[in-house]
Amino acid sequence: MAGLLPSLTFLAALGAGLNAGLFFIFSVCIMTALSRLPAEQGIAAMQAVNVVILNPLFMLAFMGTAVLALLLVIGGFVVGGPARLYLVAGGLLFLGGTILVTIVFNVPMNNALEAARPDSEEAARLWAGYLTDWVRWNHVRTLSSIGALGCFLMAFRTA
């Protein structure tokens, strides 16, 4: 496994960077733009985003990076060396701050929004909270992905 670590680390850094960029653009642009639309239009647009984002390329970048992160955490404990702490920290940052936060917070909010009729009063109330809460957790995913990227880069540098 030691021979594979540099390649896995490089690929994990690429994946973490892709995820960081995706989450960053949602935090600083997309959600702000959607919040400026009437609630019905913002909800409908986000519902459409939540459908189209579940595509093979996104899943490869998202779940593929999660698999790499898990392998790097294991690798950090198995092979040790100067990159050990960076591998473990990067993997845990991605798995906890990106994957777990997505599963526990963002996906349930997306599911609740998907179930709402965009033109209903209930949806308008849901949307107001969604814009605040979803973005807050997206900031966590952004920072965690950036942190994982930094750790993977440092691990690659010291490997």
C-alpha atoms as a PDB file:
ATOM      1  CA  MET A   1       0.000   0.000   0.000  1.00  0.00           C
ATOM      2  CA  ALA A   2       2.920   2.334   0.712  1.00  0.00           C
ATOM      3  CA  GLY A   3       3.775   2.475  -2.977  1.00  0.00           C
ATOM      4  CA  LEU A   4       0.237   3.565  -3.840  1.00  0.00           C
ATOM      5  CA  LEU A   5      -0.013   6.329  -1.236  1.00  0.00           C
ATOM      6  CA  PRO A   6       1.470   9.150  -3.338  1.00  0.00           C
ATOM      7  CA  SER A   7      -0.912   8.410  -6.230  1.00  0.00           C
ATOM      8  CA  LEU A   8      -3.918   8.032  -3.934  1.00  0.00           C
ATOM      9  CA  THR A   9      -2.964  11.239  -2.129  1.00  0.00           C
ATOM     10  CA  PHE A  10      -2.661  13.145  -5.396  1.00  0.00           C
ATOM     11  CA  LEU A  11      -6.077  11.905  -6.558  1.00  0.00           C
ATOM     12  CA  ALA A  12      -7.628  12.711  -3.169  1.00  0.00           C
ATOM     13  CA  ALA A  13      -6.203  16.245  -3.376  1.00  0.00           C
ATOM     14  CA  LEU A  14      -7.789  16.684  -6.802  1.00  0.00           C
ATOM     15  CA  GLY A  15     -11.114  15.376  -5.528  1.00  0.00           C
ATOM     16  CA  ALA A  16     -11.061  17.519  -2.398  1.00  0.00           C
ATOM     17  CA  GLY A  17     -10.249  20.545  -4.563  1.00  0.00           C
ATOM     18  CA  LEU A  18     -13.149  19.844  -6.900  1.00  0.00           C
ATOM     19  CA  ASN A  19     -15.517  19.506  -3.963  1.00  0.00           C
ATOM     20  CA  ALA A  20     -14.148  22.624  -2.277  1.00  0.00           C
ATOM     21  CA  GLY A  21     -14.721  24.606  -5.470  1.00  0.00           C
ATOM     22  CA  LEU A  22     -18.256  23.299  -5.878  1.00  0.00           C
ATOM     23  CA  PHE A  23     -19.230  24.072  -2.295  1.00  0.00           C
ATOM     24  CA  PHE A  24     -17.461  27.447  -2.399  1.00  0.00           C
ATOM     25  CA  ILE A  25     -19.409  28.611  -5.446  1.00  0.00           C
ATOM     26  CA  PHE A  26     -22.682  27.613  -3.794  1.00  0.00           C
ATOM     27  CA  SER A  27     -21.746  29.498  -0.618  1.00  0.00           C
ATOM     28  CA  VAL A  28     -20.593  32.715  -2.256  1.00  0.00           C
ATOM     29  CA  CYS A  29     -22.704  32.951  -5.415  1.00  0.00           C
ATOM     30  CA  ILE A  30     -25.423  30.458  -6.220  1.00  0.00           C
ATOM     31  CA  MET A  31     -27.388  30.538  -2.961  1.00  0.00           C
ATOM     32  CA  THR A  32     -27.201  34.328  -2.816  1.00  0.00           C
ATOM     33  CA  ALA A  33     -28.554  34.506  -6.361  1.00  0.00           C
ATOM     34  CA  LEU A  34     -31.356  32.068  -5.525  1.00  0.00           C
ATOM     35  CA  SER A  35     -32.234  34.050  -2.392  1.00  0.00           C
ATOM     36  CA  ARG A  36     -32.866  37.125  -4.557  1.00  0.00           C
ATOM     37  CA  LEU A  37     -35.539  35.330  -6.555  1.00  0.00           C
ATOM     38  CA  PRO A  38     -39.143  35.094  -5.424  1.00  0.00           C
ATOM     39  CA  ALA A  39     -39.422  32.070  -3.112  1.00  0.00           C
ATOM     40  CA  GLU A  40     -41.328  29.974  -5.657  1.00  0.00           C
ATOM     41  CA  GLN A  41     -38.636  30.497  -8.306  1.00  0.00           C
ATOM     42  CA  GLY A  42     -35.741  29.973  -5.900  1.00  0.00           C
ATOM     43  CA  ILE A  43     -37.266  26.742  -4.620  1.00  0.00           C
ATOM     44  CA  ALA A  44     -37.929  25.454  -8.140  1.00  0.00           C
ATOM     45  CA  ALA A  45     -34.367  26.286  -9.197  1.00  0.00           C
ATOM     46  CA  MET A  46     -32.849  24.538  -6.162  1.00  0.00           C
ATOM     47  CA  GLN A  47     -35.090  21.535  -6.703  1.00  0.00           C
ATOM     48  CA  ALA A  48     -33.761  21.334 -10.267  1.00  0.00           C
ATOM     49  CA  VAL A  49     -30.153  21.636  -9.050  1.00  0.00           C
ATOM     50  CA  ASN A  50     -30.709  18.837  -6.536  1.00  0.00           C
ATOM     51  CA  VAL A  51     -31.893  16.554  -9.341  1.00  0.00           C
ATOM     52  CA  VAL A  52     -29.196  17.278 -11.916  1.00  0.00           C
ATOM     53  CA  ILE A  53     -26.283  17.234  -9.475  1.00  0.00           C
ATOM     54  CA  LEU A  54     -26.795  13.511  -8.907  1.00  0.00           C
ATOM     55  CA  ASN A  55     -24.894  12.554 -12.038  1.00  0.00           C
ATOM     56  CA  PRO A  56     -21.966  10.168 -12.589  1.00  0.00           C
ATOM     57  CA  LEU A  57     -19.269  12.865 -12.699  1.00  0.00           C
ATOM     58  CA  PHE A  58     -20.394  14.467  -9.454  1.00  0.00           C
ATOM     59  CA  MET A  59     -20.742  11.092  -7.760  1.00  0.00           C
ATOM     60  CA  LEU A  60     -17.239  10.128  -8.901  1.00  0.00           C
ATOM     61  CA  ALA A  61     -15.758  13.332  -7.479  1.00  0.00           C
ATOM     62  CA  PHE A  62     -17.810  13.180  -4.273  1.00  0.00           C
ATOM     63  CA  MET A  63     -17.929   9.498  -3.379  1.00  0.00           C
ATOM     64  CA  GLY A  64     -14.644   8.669  -5.101  1.00  0.00           C
ATOM     65  CA  THR A  65     -12.898  11.222  -2.900  1.00  0.00           C
ATOM     66  CA  ALA A  66     -14.618   9.713   0.134  1.00  0.00           C
ATOM     67  CA  VAL A  67     -13.243   6.266  -0.744  1.00  0.00           C
ATOM     68  CA  LEU A  68      -9.774   7.732  -1.261  1.00  0.00           C
ATOM     69  CA  ALA A  69     -10.025   9.614   2.043  1.00  0.00           C
ATOM     70  CA  LEU A  70     -10.901   6.407   3.865  1.00  0.00           C
ATOM     71  CA  LEU A  71      -8.004   4.565   2.223  1.00  0.00           C
ATOM     72  CA  LEU A  72      -5.645   7.388   3.196  1.00  0.00           C
ATOM     73  CA  VAL A  73      -6.781   7.330   6.828  1.00  0.00           C
ATOM     74  CA  ILE A  74      -6.082   3.589   6.889  1.00  0.00           C
ATOM     75  CA  GLY A  75      -2.818   4.122   5.030  1.00  0.00           C
ATOM     76  CA  GLY A  76      -1.755   6.780   7.505  1.00  0.00           C
ATOM     77  CA  PHE A  77      -2.162   4.331  10.361  1.00  0.00           C
ATOM     78  CA  VAL A  78      -0.630   1.378   8.527  1.00  0.00           C
ATOM     79  CA  VAL A  79       2.467   2.840   6.903  1.00  0.00           C
ATOM     80  CA  GLY A  80       3.201   5.828   9.113  1.00  0.00           C
ATOM     81  CA  GLY A  81       6.014   8.108   8.029  1.00  0.00           C
ATOM     82  CA  PRO A  82       6.202  11.895   7.897  1.00  0.00           C
ATOM     83  CA  ALA A  83       2.947  12.201   5.920  1.00  0.00           C
ATOM     84  CA  ARG A  84       0.968  10.153   8.448  1.00  0.00           C
ATOM     85  CA  LEU A  85      -0.703  13.004  10.312  1.00  0.00           C
ATOM     86  CA  TYR A  86      -1.584  14.843   7.111  1.00  0.00           C
ATOM     87  CA  LEU A  87      -3.143  11.712   5.587  1.00  0.00           C
ATOM     88  CA  VAL A  88      -5.243  11.002   8.662  1.00  0.00           C
ATOM     89  CA  ALA A  89      -6.249  14.640   9.189  1.00  0.00           C
ATOM     90  CA  GLY A  90      -7.143  15.149   5.522  1.00  0.00           C
ATOM     91  CA  GLY A  91      -9.132  11.954   5.378  1.00  0.00           C
ATOM     92  CA  LEU A  92     -11.038  12.694   8.568  1.00  0.00           C
ATOM     93  CA  LEU A  93     -11.727  16.274   7.509  1.00  0.00           C
ATOM     94  CA  PHE A  94     -13.209  15.088   4.231  1.00  0.00           C
ATOM     95  CA  LEU A  95     -15.148  12.175   5.691  1.00  0.00           C
ATOM     96  CA  GLY A  96     -16.488  14.093   8.694  1.00  0.00           C
ATOM     97  CA  GLY A  97     -16.790  17.657   7.494  1.00  0.00           C
ATOM     98  CA  THR A  98     -17.854  16.930   3.944  1.00  0.00           C
ATOM     99  CA  ILE A  99     -19.475  13.499   3.665  1.00  0.00           C
ATOM    100  CA  LEU A 100     -21.029  13.224   7.130  1.00  0.00           C
ATOM    101  CA  VAL A 101     -22.274  16.820   7.121  1.00  0.00           C
ATOM    102  CA  THR A 102     -23.834  16.240   3.698  1.00  0.00           C
ATOM    103  CA  ILE A 103     -25.608  13.079   4.850  1.00  0.00           C
ATOM    104  CA  VAL A 104     -26.760  14.398   8.228  1.00  0.00           C
ATOM    105  CA  PHE A 105     -27.663  17.981   7.348  1.00  0.00           C
ATOM    106  CA  ASN A 106     -27.737  18.994   3.665  1.00  0.00           C
ATOM    107  CA  VAL A 107     -29.429  15.924   2.176  1.00  0.00           C
ATOM    108  CA  PRO A 108     -32.352  15.920   4.651  1.00  0.00           C
ATOM    109  CA  MET A 109     -32.899  19.625   3.946  1.00  0.00           C
ATOM    110  CA  ASN A 110     -32.783  18.902   0.205  1.00  0.00           C
ATOM    111  CA  ASN A 111     -35.301  16.077   0.647  1.00  0.00           C
ATOM    112  CA  ALA A 112     -37.669  18.328   2.612  1.00  0.00           C
ATOM    113  CA  LEU A 113     -37.392  21.006  -0.066  1.00  0.00           C
ATOM    114  CA  GLU A 114     -38.000  18.431  -2.813  1.00  0.00           C
ATOM    115  CA  ALA A 115     -41.225  17.342  -1.124  1.00  0.00           C
ATOM    116  CA  ALA A 116     -42.568  20.906  -1.001  1.00  0.00           C
ATOM    117  CA  ARG A 117     -44.737  22.450  -3.706  1.00  0.00           C
ATOM    118  CA  PRO A 118     -42.810  25.605  -4.731  1.00  0.00           C
ATOM    119  CA  ASP A 119     -45.947  27.770  -4.789  1.00  0.00           C
ATOM    120  CA  SER A 120     -47.177  26.825  -1.298  1.00  0.00           C
ATOM    121  CA  GLU A 121     -46.945  28.925   1.885  1.00  0.00           C
ATOM    122  CA  GLU A 122     -45.298  25.976   3.621  1.00  0.00           C
ATOM    123  CA  ALA A 123     -42.569  25.959   0.968  1.00  0.00           C
ATOM    124  CA  ALA A 124     -41.975  29.701   1.388  1.00  0.00           C
ATOM    125  CA  ARG A 125     -41.467  29.212   5.157  1.00  0.00           C
ATOM    126  CA  LEU A 126     -39.234  26.219   4.531  1.00  0.00           C
ATOM    127  CA  TRP A 127     -37.211  28.206   1.988  1.00  0.00           C
ATOM    128  CA  ALA A 128     -36.407  31.007   4.437  1.00  0.00           C
ATOM    129  CA  GLY A 129     -34.899  28.543   6.912  1.00  0.00           C
ATOM    130  CA  TYR A 130     -33.283  26.512   4.165  1.00  0.00           C
ATOM    131  CA  LEU A 131     -31.355  29.495   2.868  1.00  0.00           C
ATOM    132  CA  THR A 132     -29.848  30.081   6.297  1.00  0.00           C
ATOM    133  CA  ASP A 133     -29.312  26.530   7.543  1.00  0.00           C
ATOM    134  CA  TRP A 134     -28.280  24.864   4.281  1.00  0.00           C
ATOM    135  CA  VAL A 135     -25.726  27.577   3.551  1.00  0.00           C
ATOM    136  CA  ARG A 136     -24.333  27.398   7.099  1.00  0.00           C
ATOM    137  CA  TRP A 137     -23.671  23.663   6.704  1.00  0.00           C
ATOM    138  CA  ASN A 138     -22.377  24.235   3.190  1.00  0.00           C
ATOM    139  CA  HIS A 139     -19.770  26.591   4.668  1.00  0.00           C
ATOM    140  CA  VAL A 140     -18.662  23.683   6.874  1.00  0.00           C
ATOM    141  CA  ARG A 141     -18.372  21.445   3.801  1.00  0.00           C
ATOM    142  CA  THR A 142     -16.416  24.144   1.973  1.00  0.00           C
ATOM    143  CA  LEU A 143     -13.933  24.678   4.788  1.00  0.00           C
ATOM    144  CA  SER A 144     -13.575  20.947   5.423  1.00  0.00           C
ATOM    145  CA  SER A 145     -12.872  20.250   1.759  1.00  0.00           C
ATOM    146  CA  ILE A 146     -10.316  23.072   1.661  1.00  0.00           C
ATOM    147  CA  GLY A 147      -8.717  21.733   4.839  1.00  0.00           C
ATOM    148  CA  ALA A 148      -8.607  18.220   3.393  1.00  0.00           C
ATOM    149  CA  LEU A 149      -7.051  19.583   0.203  1.00  0.00           C
ATOM    150  CA  GLY A 150      -4.340  21.346   2.215  1.00  0.00           C
ATOM    151  CA  CYS A 151      -3.617  18.231   4.248  1.00  0.00           C
ATOM    152  CA  PHE A 152      -3.434  16.030   1.159  1.00  0.00           C
ATOM    153  CA  LEU A 153      -1.076  18.498  -0.510  1.00  0.00           C
ATOM    154  CA  MET A 154       1.162  18.516   2.552  1.00  0.00           C
ATOM    155  CA  ALA A 155       1.087  14.710   2.703  1.00  0.00           C
ATOM    156  CA  PHE A 156       1.994  14.511  -0.985  1.00  0.00           C
ATOM    157  CA  ARG A 157       4.829  16.992  -0.444  1.00  0.00           C
ATOM    158  CA  THR A 158       6.282  15.042   2.473  1.00  0.00           C
ATOM    159  CA  ALA A 159       5.800  11.571   0.971  1.00  0.00           C
END
